[in-house]
C-alpha atoms as a PDB file:
ATOM      1  CA  LYS A   1     -26.593 -18.475 -12.785  1.00  0.00           C
ATOM      2  CA  PRO A   2     -29.740 -20.339 -11.746  1.00  0.00           C
ATOM      3  CA  ALA A   3     -29.001 -19.815  -8.020  1.00  0.00           C
ATOM      4  CA  GLU A   4     -29.371 -16.045  -8.429  1.00  0.00           C
ATOM      5  CA  THR A   5     -32.657 -16.464 -10.268  1.00  0.00           C
ATOM      6  CA  THR A   6     -34.051 -18.696  -7.521  1.00  0.00           C
ATOM      7  CA  GLU A   7     -32.855 -16.282  -4.842  1.00  0.00           C
ATOM      8  CA  ASP A   8     -34.326 -13.313  -6.736  1.00  0.00           C
ATOM      9  CA  ALA A   9     -37.646 -15.156  -7.068  1.00  0.00           C
ATOM     10  CA  LEU A  10     -37.650 -15.956  -3.346  1.00  0.00           C
ATOM     11  CA  VAL A  11     -36.880 -12.343  -2.402  1.00  0.00           C
ATOM     12  CA  SER A  12     -39.626 -11.196  -4.760  1.00  0.00           C
ATOM     13  CA  VAL A  13     -42.164 -13.529  -3.116  1.00  0.00           C
ATOM     14  CA  LEU A  14     -41.053 -12.411   0.351  1.00  0.00           C
ATOM     15  CA  ARG A  15     -41.316  -8.753  -0.612  1.00  0.00           C
ATOM     16  CA  ARG A  16     -44.804  -9.223  -2.072  1.00  0.00           C
ATOM     17  CA  GLY A  17     -45.897 -11.109   1.049  1.00  0.00           C
ATOM     18  CA  ALA A  18     -44.488  -8.404   3.316  1.00  0.00           C
ATOM     19  CA  GLN A  19     -46.202  -5.738   1.197  1.00  0.00           C
ATOM     20  CA  GLU A  20     -49.565  -7.513   1.494  1.00  0.00           C
ATOM     21  CA  LEU A  21     -49.181  -8.113   5.215  1.00  0.00           C
ATOM     22  CA  LEU A  22     -48.226  -4.489   5.877  1.00  0.00           C
ATOM     23  CA  THR A  23     -51.143  -3.212   3.792  1.00  0.00           C
ATOM     24  CA  ARG A  24     -53.603  -5.428   5.682  1.00  0.00           C
ATOM     25  CA  ALA A  25     -52.172  -4.419   9.053  1.00  0.00           C
ATOM     26  CA  ILE A  26     -52.429  -0.697   8.199  1.00  0.00           C
ATOM     27  CA  GLU A  27     -56.019  -1.142   6.966  1.00  0.00           C
ATOM     28  CA  GLU A  28     -56.928  -2.933  10.223  1.00  0.00           C
ATOM     29  CA  GLU A  29     -55.241  -0.178  12.236  1.00  0.00           C
ATOM     30  CA  VAL A  30     -57.212   2.607  10.506  1.00  0.00           C
ATOM     31  CA  LYS A  31     -60.437   0.579  10.802  1.00  0.00           C
ATOM     32  CA  THR A  32     -59.908   0.310  14.573  1.00  0.00           C
ATOM     33  CA  PHE A  33     -59.169   4.047  14.774  1.00  0.00           C
ATOM     34  CA  LEU A  34     -62.355   4.941  12.874  1.00  0.00           C
ATOM     35  CA  GLU A  35     -64.450   2.573  15.020  1.00  0.00           C
ATOM     36  CA  ALA A  36     -63.235   4.406  18.128  1.00  0.00           C
ATOM     37  CA  TYR A  37     -64.828   7.605  16.777  1.00  0.00           C
ATOM     38  CA  ALA A  38     -67.903   5.999  15.165  1.00  0.00           C
ATOM     39  CA  GLY A  39     -70.148   7.565  17.796  1.00  0.00           C
ATOM     40  CA  LEU A  40     -69.026  11.113  16.944  1.00  0.00           C
ATOM     41  CA  LEU A  41     -71.921  12.260  14.725  1.00  0.00           C
ATOM     42  CA  ASP A  42     -73.244  15.580  13.496  1.00  0.00           C
ATOM     43  CA  GLU A  43     -76.875  16.726  13.748  1.00  0.00           C
ATOM     44  CA  LYS A  44     -77.741  14.776  10.567  1.00  0.00           C
ATOM     45  CA  GLY A  45     -76.262  11.573  11.979  1.00  0.00           C
ATOM     46  CA  LEU A  46     -73.211  11.603   9.734  1.00  0.00           C
ATOM     47  CA  ARG A  47     -69.847  10.449  11.059  1.00  0.00           C
ATOM     48  CA  GLN A  48     -67.416  13.242  11.818  1.00  0.00           C
ATOM     49  CA  VAL A  49     -64.207  11.182  11.541  1.00  0.00           C
ATOM     50  CA  VAL A  50     -64.060   9.516   8.141  1.00  0.00           C
ATOM     51  CA  ARG A  51     -61.622   8.017   5.651  1.00  0.00           C
ATOM     52  CA  ASN A  52     -60.498  10.383   2.955  1.00  0.00           C
ATOM     53  CA  GLY A  53     -58.329   8.538   0.428  1.00  0.00           C
ATOM     54  CA  HIS A  54     -54.611   7.931   0.977  1.00  0.00           C
ATOM     55  CA  LEU A  55     -51.533   9.996   1.641  1.00  0.00           C
ATOM     56  CA  PRO A  56     -48.971   9.947  -1.189  1.00  0.00           C
ATOM     57  CA  GLU A  57     -47.221   6.593  -1.549  1.00  0.00           C
ATOM     58  CA  ARG A  58     -43.759   6.408  -0.029  1.00  0.00           C
ATOM     59  CA  SER A  59     -41.027   3.825   0.133  1.00  0.00           C
ATOM     60  CA  ILE A  60     -39.649   2.275   3.306  1.00  0.00           C
ATOM     61  CA  GLN A  61     -36.286   0.553   3.208  1.00  0.00           C
ATOM     62  CA  THR A  62     -36.475  -2.868   4.900  1.00  0.00           C
ATOM     63  CA  GLY A  63     -34.181  -5.839   5.306  1.00  0.00           C
ATOM     64  CA  ILE A  64     -35.713  -7.442   2.207  1.00  0.00           C
ATOM     65  CA  GLY A  65     -35.593  -4.276   0.125  1.00  0.00           C
ATOM     66  CA  PRO A  66     -37.847  -1.284  -0.366  1.00  0.00           C
ATOM     67  CA  LEU A  67     -41.593  -1.583   0.284  1.00  0.00           C
ATOM     68  CA  ALA A  68     -44.117   0.886  -1.104  1.00  0.00           C
ATOM     69  CA  VAL A  69     -46.570   2.076   1.550  1.00  0.00           C
ATOM     70  CA  LYS A  70     -49.855   3.950   1.192  1.00  0.00           C
ATOM     71  CA  ILE A  71     -51.220   5.271   4.474  1.00  0.00           C
ATOM     72  CA  PRO A  72     -54.974   5.982   4.593  1.00  0.00           C
ATOM     73  CA  ARG A  73     -55.949   9.592   5.140  1.00  0.00           C
ATOM     74  CA  VAL A  74     -58.500  10.330   7.855  1.00  0.00           C
ATOM     75  CA  ARG A  75     -60.543  13.513   7.951  1.00  0.00           C
ATOM     76  CA  ASP A  76     -62.006  15.114  11.057  1.00  0.00           C
ATOM     77  CA  ARG A  77     -65.080  17.093  10.007  1.00  0.00           C
ATOM     78  CA  SER A  78     -65.928  18.082  13.584  1.00  0.00           C
ATOM     79  CA  GLY A  79     -63.053  20.544  13.893  1.00  0.00           C
ATOM     80  CA  THR A  80     -61.849  19.032  17.173  1.00  0.00           C
ATOM     81  CA  GLY A  81     -58.395  18.268  15.763  1.00  0.00           C
ATOM     82  CA  ILE A  82     -58.551  14.465  15.773  1.00  0.00           C
ATOM     83  CA  LYS A  83     -55.562  13.162  13.805  1.00  0.00           C
ATOM     84  CA  TYR A  84     -54.710   9.663  12.615  1.00  0.00           C
ATOM     85  CA  THR A  85     -51.061   8.642  12.668  1.00  0.00           C
ATOM     86  CA  SER A  86     -50.119   5.044  11.974  1.00  0.00           C
ATOM     87  CA  ASN A  87     -48.279   3.314  14.818  1.00  0.00           C
ATOM     88  CA  LEU A  88     -46.913   0.751  12.362  1.00  0.00           C
ATOM     89  CA  VAL A  89     -45.535   3.321   9.939  1.00  0.00           C
ATOM     90  CA  PRO A  90     -44.965   6.639  11.732  1.00  0.00           C
ATOM     91  CA  ARG A  91     -45.016   9.800   9.655  1.00  0.00           C
ATOM     92  CA  TYR A  92     -41.287  10.209   8.993  1.00  0.00           C
ATOM     93  CA  LEU A  93     -40.195   6.558   8.980  1.00  0.00           C
ATOM     94  CA  ARG A  94     -38.015   5.851   5.931  1.00  0.00           C
ATOM     95  CA  ARG A  95     -36.014   2.838   7.138  1.00  0.00           C
ATOM     96  CA  THR A  96     -36.855  -0.002   9.482  1.00  0.00           C
ATOM     97  CA  LYS A  97     -34.939  -0.188  12.727  1.00  0.00           C
ATOM     98  CA  ASN A  98     -32.717  -3.109  11.633  1.00  0.00           C
ATOM     99  CA  ILE A  99     -31.527  -1.063   8.619  1.00  0.00           C
ATOM    100  CA  GLU A 100     -30.764   1.904  10.920  1.00  0.00           C
ATOM    101  CA  GLU A 101     -28.622  -0.371  13.107  1.00  0.00           C
ATOM    102  CA  LEU A 102     -26.676  -1.643  10.086  1.00  0.00           C
ATOM    103  CA  LEU A 103     -25.841   1.890   8.986  1.00  0.00           C
END
C-alpha cells in the first residue's frame, strides 16, 4: 500500500507546517500585544505587562487532523486587569470552523 504511505507522509508534512505556522503567528500576536503595553512601567522602570510562560497545551481539531497549541501566558503586574486572549485561537476553541460545519 505505497499510496497510503505517501499520503500519510504528505499529511504529516502538512500538519507539521501548519503547526509551525500557527506557532509563529501566535508568537507574533503576543509580541504585538506586549509592544502595545511596553510603555506601562513601574517606578523602577520595569514593564508591568510581561510574558509568563505558556498556558497548558491543548489540541485543536482541524481539517488536516489535530494540532497541539501552546498559548503564551501574559501577566499584568500593574493590577489594572489587562488580559491577553489570542484572536487566532480563542480560549475555548476546540475545533476549526470547517470541522464544525461538517458535524
